[in-house]
Protein backbone atom coordinates (compact mmCIF):
# COMPACT_ATOMS: atom_id res chain seq x y z
CA MET A 1 -11.07 5.32 34.77
CA SER A 2 -8.69 5.01 31.84
CA GLN A 3 -8.21 2.04 29.55
CA VAL A 4 -5.71 -0.68 30.40
CA GLY A 5 -2.16 0.47 29.70
CA THR A 6 -2.86 4.19 30.00
CA ARG A 7 -3.08 6.57 32.93
CA ARG A 8 -5.26 9.65 33.01
CA ILE A 9 -3.56 12.20 35.27
CA LEU A 10 -4.74 15.57 36.59
CA ILE A 11 -2.30 18.09 38.07
CA THR A 12 -3.74 21.21 39.70
CA GLY A 13 -1.35 24.13 39.69
CA GLY A 14 0.30 22.45 36.72
CA ALA A 15 1.85 25.69 35.40
CA GLY A 16 3.60 26.32 38.71
CA PHE A 17 7.01 25.29 39.97
CA VAL A 18 6.54 21.71 41.20
CA GLY A 19 3.64 21.19 38.78
CA TYR A 20 5.83 21.96 35.77
CA HIS A 21 8.63 19.61 36.86
CA LEU A 22 6.14 16.88 37.79
CA THR A 23 4.53 17.16 34.35
CA SER A 24 7.94 17.08 32.67
CA GLU A 25 8.66 13.75 34.36
CA LEU A 26 5.24 12.17 33.90
CA CYS A 27 4.93 13.06 30.22
CA LYS A 28 8.01 10.93 29.46
CA GLU A 29 5.64 7.97 29.67
CA ALA A 30 3.84 8.21 26.32
CA THR A 31 0.82 6.29 27.63
CA ASN A 32 0.12 8.93 30.30
CA GLU A 33 -2.64 11.38 29.38
CA ILE A 34 -2.01 14.51 31.45
CA VAL A 35 -4.38 17.39 32.09
CA LEU A 36 -3.11 20.50 33.85
CA VAL A 37 -5.35 23.10 35.44
CA ASP A 38 -4.10 26.54 36.46
CA ASN A 39 -5.49 30.07 36.81
CA PHE A 40 -2.04 31.60 36.08
CA ALA A 41 -2.09 33.74 39.20
CA ARG A 42 1.44 32.43 39.84
CA GLY A 43 1.98 29.86 37.10
CA ARG A 44 3.87 30.99 33.99
CA ARG A 45 2.74 30.58 30.39
CA ASP A 46 6.32 30.68 29.12
CA ALA A 47 8.33 28.90 26.43
CA GLU A 48 9.06 25.96 28.72
CA LEU A 49 5.40 25.38 29.53
CA ASN A 50 4.45 25.82 25.87
CA ALA A 51 7.00 23.13 24.99
CA LEU A 52 5.25 20.76 27.40
CA LEU A 53 1.85 21.64 26.00
CA ALA A 54 3.10 20.88 22.50
CA LYS A 55 3.48 17.24 23.50
CA PRO A 56 0.58 15.05 22.34
CA ASN A 57 -0.19 13.70 25.81
CA VAL A 58 -0.38 17.04 27.68
CA ARG A 59 -3.12 19.70 27.65
CA ILE A 60 -4.16 22.51 29.97
CA VAL A 61 -7.42 23.91 31.29
CA SER A 62 -7.27 27.55 32.35
CA GLY A 63 -9.60 27.89 35.30
CA ASP A 64 -10.17 28.91 38.90
CA LEU A 65 -10.54 25.92 41.23
CA THR A 66 -12.61 28.00 43.66
CA ARG A 67 -15.41 28.14 41.04
CA PRO A 68 -17.57 25.01 40.65
CA GLU A 69 -17.92 25.33 36.87
CA VAL A 70 -14.25 24.54 36.24
CA TYR A 71 -14.81 20.95 37.38
CA GLU A 72 -17.31 20.43 34.56
CA GLN A 73 -14.46 21.17 32.12
CA LEU A 74 -12.26 18.58 33.80
CA GLY A 75 -14.70 15.68 33.58
CA ASP A 76 -13.64 12.66 35.61
CA GLY A 77 -12.12 9.22 35.21
CA TYR A 78 -8.63 10.21 36.37
CA ASP A 79 -6.35 7.51 37.72
CA GLU A 80 -4.11 10.01 39.52
CA VAL A 81 -4.97 13.48 40.84
CA TYR A 82 -2.11 15.63 42.15
CA HIS A 83 -3.52 18.62 44.04
CA LEU A 84 -0.65 21.12 44.07
CA ALA A 85 -2.56 24.37 43.49
CA ALA A 86 -2.36 26.89 46.35
CA VAL A 87 -1.56 30.49 47.15
CA ILE A 88 1.96 30.40 48.57
CA GLY A 89 4.89 32.73 49.22
CA VAL A 90 5.67 34.96 52.18
CA LYS A 91 4.70 38.11 50.27
CA HIS A 92 1.19 36.82 49.52
CA VAL A 93 0.80 35.35 53.00
CA LEU A 94 1.65 38.66 54.70
CA GLU A 95 -0.24 40.94 52.31
CA ARG A 96 -3.31 38.78 51.50
CA PRO A 97 -3.80 36.26 54.31
CA GLU A 98 -7.59 36.19 53.79
CA ALA A 99 -7.05 35.19 50.13
CA VAL A 100 -4.64 32.45 51.22
CA VAL A 101 -7.27 30.98 53.53
CA ARG A 102 -10.11 31.35 51.03
CA VAL A 103 -8.36 30.00 47.94
CA ASN A 104 -6.50 27.13 49.59
CA ALA A 105 -9.46 25.94 51.64
CA LEU A 106 -12.24 26.42 49.08
CA SER A 107 -10.33 24.92 46.16
CA THR A 108 -9.53 21.84 48.24
CA ILE A 109 -13.12 21.34 49.38
CA LEU A 110 -14.52 21.72 45.86
CA LEU A 111 -11.86 19.41 44.48
CA LEU A 112 -12.70 16.79 47.13
CA ASP A 113 -16.42 17.03 46.33
CA TRP A 114 -15.61 16.46 42.64
CA PHE A 115 -13.01 13.76 43.30
CA THR A 116 -15.11 11.60 45.62
CA ALA A 117 -18.29 11.95 43.54
CA GLY A 118 -16.62 10.95 40.27
CA ASN A 119 -14.98 7.86 38.86
CA ASN A 120 -11.50 8.85 40.00
CA GLY A 121 -8.61 6.85 41.40
CA LYS A 122 -6.12 8.24 43.92
CA LEU A 123 -5.54 11.76 45.26
CA LEU A 124 -2.23 13.27 46.38
CA PHE A 125 -2.40 16.44 48.47
CA SER A 126 0.66 18.67 48.70
CA SER A 127 1.24 20.12 52.15
CA THR A 128 4.22 21.89 53.65
CA SER A 129 6.84 22.00 56.39
CA GLU A 130 4.99 25.12 57.58
CA ALA A 131 2.52 22.69 59.14
CA TYR A 132 5.10 22.17 61.90
CA ALA A 133 6.10 25.81 62.31
CA TRP A 134 3.71 26.98 65.00
CA THR A 135 3.89 23.82 67.08
CA GLN A 136 7.68 24.02 66.90
CA LYS A 137 7.62 27.62 68.03
CA PHE A 138 5.85 26.87 71.31
CA HIS A 139 6.52 23.18 71.96
CA GLN A 140 9.70 21.17 71.66
CA LEU A 141 9.68 18.93 68.58
CA PRO A 142 12.39 16.47 67.55
CA ILE A 143 14.60 17.66 64.68
CA PRO A 144 14.73 16.04 62.14
CA THR A 145 10.96 16.09 62.55
CA PRO A 146 8.83 13.00 61.79
CA GLU A 147 5.32 13.15 60.34
CA ASP A 148 3.38 12.01 63.41
CA VAL A 149 4.10 14.92 65.75
CA PRO A 150 1.13 17.08 66.80
CA LEU A 151 0.17 20.04 64.62
CA ALA A 152 -0.97 23.28 66.21
CA LEU A 153 -1.88 26.86 65.35
CA THR A 154 -1.07 29.10 68.27
CA ASP A 155 -1.33 32.68 66.95
CA LEU A 156 -4.28 33.08 64.59
CA SER A 157 -3.81 36.85 64.41
CA ASN A 158 -0.42 36.46 62.73
CA PRO A 159 -0.92 36.59 58.93
CA ARG A 160 1.76 33.93 58.45
CA SER A 161 -0.49 31.42 60.18
CA SER A 162 -2.89 31.65 57.21
CA TYR A 163 -0.75 29.42 55.02
CA ALA A 164 0.06 26.84 57.68
CA GLY A 165 -3.57 26.85 58.79
CA SER A 166 -4.89 26.38 55.26
CA LYS A 167 -2.58 23.42 54.70
CA ILE A 168 -3.43 21.79 58.03
CA PHE A 169 -7.10 22.23 57.12
CA GLY A 170 -6.37 20.67 53.72
CA GLU A 171 -4.76 17.65 55.34
CA LEU A 172 -7.78 17.30 57.64
CA ALA A 173 -10.24 17.58 54.76
CA VAL A 174 -8.40 15.11 52.53
CA THR A 175 -8.11 12.60 55.36
CA GLN A 176 -11.77 12.78 56.37
CA TYR A 177 -13.13 12.78 52.81
CA GLY A 178 -10.81 9.91 51.86
CA GLN A 179 -11.72 7.77 54.86
CA ARG A 180 -15.43 8.42 54.41
CA SER A 181 -15.49 7.73 50.68
CA GLY A 182 -13.04 4.84 50.70
CA LYS A 183 -10.99 6.57 47.99
CA PRO A 184 -7.22 6.17 48.29
CA PHE A 185 -5.21 9.27 49.16
CA VAL A 186 -1.74 10.30 50.27
CA ILE A 187 -0.36 13.52 51.77
CA VAL A 188 3.14 14.87 51.15
CA ARG A 189 4.80 17.70 53.07
CA TYR A 190 7.40 19.51 50.97
CA HIS A 191 10.47 20.88 52.78
CA ASN A 192 12.38 23.76 51.15
CA VAL A 193 12.12 22.45 47.59
CA TYR A 194 14.11 24.51 45.09
CA GLY A 195 15.20 24.42 41.46
CA PRO A 196 14.79 26.07 38.06
CA ARG A 197 11.58 27.99 37.43
CA MET A 198 10.61 28.46 41.09
CA GLY A 199 10.02 32.19 40.70
CA HIS A 200 12.16 35.07 41.94
CA GLU A 201 10.93 35.40 45.55
CA HIS A 202 12.56 32.23 46.91
CA VAL A 203 15.71 32.86 48.97
CA ILE A 204 18.06 31.25 46.43
CA PRO A 205 17.16 33.21 43.26
CA GLU A 206 16.50 36.36 45.29
CA LEU A 207 19.99 36.34 46.81
CA TYR A 208 21.53 35.45 43.46
CA ALA A 209 19.82 38.33 41.65
CA ARG A 210 20.97 40.84 44.27
CA ALA A 211 24.49 39.45 44.14
CA LEU A 212 24.59 39.81 40.36
CA ARG A 213 23.39 43.40 40.68
CA GLY A 214 26.48 44.05 42.76
CA GLU A 215 24.91 44.56 46.18
CA SER A 216 27.86 44.70 48.54
CA PRO A 217 27.79 43.85 51.28
CA LEU A 218 24.96 41.43 50.53
CA VAL A 219 22.16 41.73 53.10
CA VAL A 220 21.17 38.25 54.29
CA TYR A 221 18.36 37.61 56.76
CA SER A 222 18.56 34.94 59.47
CA THR A 223 22.11 33.83 58.65
CA HIS A 224 22.10 31.59 61.73
CA HIS A 225 18.99 29.66 60.70
CA ARG A 226 19.47 26.09 59.49
CA ARG A 227 17.52 24.60 56.57
CA ALA A 228 17.60 21.37 54.57
CA PHE A 229 17.03 22.17 50.89
CA CYS A 230 15.63 19.54 48.52
CA TYR A 231 16.22 19.72 44.77
CA VAL A 232 13.00 19.59 42.77
CA GLN A 233 13.83 16.43 40.81
CA ASP A 234 14.27 14.53 44.08
CA ALA A 235 10.94 15.92 45.28
CA VAL A 236 9.23 14.87 42.04
CA ARG A 237 10.58 11.32 42.27
CA CYS A 238 9.26 10.96 45.80
CA THR A 239 5.92 12.50 44.86
CA ILE A 240 5.35 9.99 42.06
CA ALA A 241 6.45 7.14 44.30
CA ALA A 242 3.90 8.21 46.94
CA MET A 243 1.16 8.25 44.31
CA ARG A 244 2.08 4.91 42.76
CA SER A 245 2.63 2.93 45.98
CA SER A 246 -0.43 1.27 47.48
CA ALA A 247 1.55 0.97 50.74
CA ALA A 248 1.47 4.77 50.92
CA ASN A 249 -2.33 4.99 50.93
CA GLY A 250 -3.70 6.95 53.87
CA LYS A 251 -0.25 8.03 55.02
CA THR A 252 1.64 11.33 55.24
CA PHE A 253 5.21 11.66 54.00
CA ASN A 254 7.86 14.29 54.50
CA ILE A 255 9.60 15.08 51.22
CA GLY A 256 12.98 16.67 51.68
CA ASN A 257 16.69 16.08 52.13
CA ASP A 258 17.64 15.21 55.68
CA ARG A 259 21.18 14.28 54.65
CA GLU A 260 22.37 17.85 54.21
CA GLU A 261 21.57 20.89 56.35
CA THR A 262 23.09 24.31 55.83
CA LEU A 263 23.16 27.66 57.57
CA ILE A 264 21.51 30.43 55.55
CA GLY A 265 24.75 32.41 55.88
CA ASP A 266 26.70 29.54 54.32
CA LEU A 267 24.09 29.24 51.57
CA ALA A 268 24.60 32.93 50.78
CA LYS A 269 28.36 32.38 50.51
CA LYS A 270 27.82 29.54 48.03
CA ILE A 271 25.58 31.81 45.98
CA LEU A 272 28.08 34.68 46.06
CA ALA A 273 30.82 32.33 44.87
CA ARG A 274 28.69 31.23 41.92
CA ALA A 275 27.94 34.87 41.12
CA ASN A 276 31.69 35.63 41.19
CA ARG A 277 31.15 38.34 43.80
CA PRO A 278 33.11 39.16 46.98
CA GLN A 279 31.83 37.14 49.93
CA THR A 280 30.85 40.11 52.05
CA ILE A 281 27.63 39.72 54.01
CA THR A 282 25.59 41.89 56.37
CA ALA A 283 23.42 39.75 58.63
CA LYS A 284 19.94 40.87 59.68
CA ASP A 285 17.12 39.17 61.57
CA ALA A 286 13.93 38.21 59.71
CA VAL A 287 10.91 39.35 61.71
CA ASN A 288 8.54 36.89 60.01
CA ASP A 289 10.64 33.72 60.26
CA PRO A 290 10.81 32.55 63.87
CA ILE A 291 11.99 28.97 63.20
CA ASN A 292 15.74 28.60 63.75
CA ARG A 293 16.10 25.07 62.43
CA ARG A 294 13.93 23.03 60.11
CA CYS A 295 14.80 19.56 58.83
CA PRO A 296 12.49 16.68 57.92
CA ASP A 297 12.82 13.10 59.03
CA VAL A 298 12.31 11.18 55.77
CA SER A 299 12.67 7.69 57.30
CA ARG A 300 9.09 6.84 56.35
CA ALA A 301 9.70 7.74 52.71
CA ARG A 302 12.87 5.62 52.76
CA ASN A 303 11.17 2.62 54.32
CA VAL A 304 7.88 2.70 52.41
CA LEU A 305 8.83 4.32 49.09
CA GLY A 306 12.53 3.49 48.77
CA PHE A 307 13.28 7.20 48.49
CA GLU A 308 16.76 8.62 48.89
CA PRO A 309 17.76 12.21 48.01
CA GLN A 310 20.27 12.08 45.17
CA VAL A 311 21.10 15.70 44.33
CA SER A 312 23.50 17.46 46.69
CA LEU A 313 23.08 21.13 47.52
CA ASP A 314 26.15 22.04 45.47
CA GLN A 315 24.86 20.12 42.44
CA GLY A 316 21.39 21.60 42.83
CA LEU A 317 22.70 25.13 43.17
CA ASP A 318 24.78 24.72 40.00
CA LEU A 319 21.73 23.55 38.04
CA THR A 320 19.41 26.15 39.53
CA LEU A 321 21.65 29.17 39.23
CA ALA A 322 22.68 28.28 35.67
CA TRP A 323 18.98 28.45 34.77
CA TYR A 324 18.52 31.76 36.61
CA HIS A 325 21.62 33.21 34.98
CA ARG A 326 20.06 32.56 31.57
CA GLU A 327 16.72 33.94 32.76
CA LEU A 328 18.20 37.15 34.19
CA THR A 329 20.44 37.63 31.14
CA GLN A 330 17.44 37.33 28.82
CA GLN A 331 15.45 39.76 30.94
CA ALA A 332 18.30 42.29 30.88
CA ALA A 333 18.63 41.93 27.10
CA SER A 334 14.89 42.39 26.61
CA SER A 335 14.88 45.46 28.86
CA LYS A 336 17.82 46.96 26.96
CA GLU A 337 16.13 46.28 23.63
CA GLY A 338 12.92 47.87 24.89
CA ARG A 339 14.74 51.01 25.97
CA HIS A 340 16.46 51.18 22.56
CA ASP A 341 13.13 50.83 20.76
CA ARG A 342 11.61 53.64 22.81
CA GLN A 343 14.60 55.89 22.06
CA VAL A 344 14.33 55.19 18.32
CA ALA A 345 10.60 55.85 18.35
């Protein structure tokens, strides 16, 4: 364990979306010593990550958590371990479900072996609202949904079950290892977290990019579905609170925004307005998204952690789409410059 006054922190998947924002917040405390680990299958080694790595209290290990040798590079003695690394995204889930199962399950088991054997403090495991999806499809669940409802997998042949199944397995493994070893742990289930640097496959940047390209009418899937989106800074605050609170030990917390639900069709209209495009939409059904409404009950996080979502959807969209506008503008400029260079050559 670290010396008095300092915290040694490990974040798996540290180059990814939530990992980057979590690191950005934690590195503000100069006494935190932060180690990131990422294989860069999804994480980005971009200017923003490099700026974090330039800070004296942040470093990164490039490695594959499904290989035992990477844990030798990490050492031990961490006060806080945030296990965020996973294969996620509908595209990967549908095209490579076996990889989703293998990577998410094996990396978690190896991490738990390392964590419980070493001189480490507390583990936080990041799970997902997808844990409820299959139960909700076949059995009536209350919405907003609390953490203590049953979890079920009802169609193992469906590739989409690979992600939910791997996360339910992860929750099981963390709980059993933690109880057996006596090491403190906490589980968080993220619900539709969004924000800058989340990639281009999420519904918000994907719709925005198509709107900017002038797609009209804009094709929007599952316009009648309801979701509760949570801005990443709110999610990060709750994540750190769950790690730092001893009252959270052994518990599972929904992380999301249950104050504000929106129809996907209305979300698309907000995005079109910010793209300065006509609000013309063609609605289509999404074959791989059977859940009509998803909203977390975050009463436990309120009562135990003092959490309250602070960023409204409108505020979050402004911040997120401003970032993506810069990103897409830079990409277009780089592409134009590349074409010019090829023509000159």
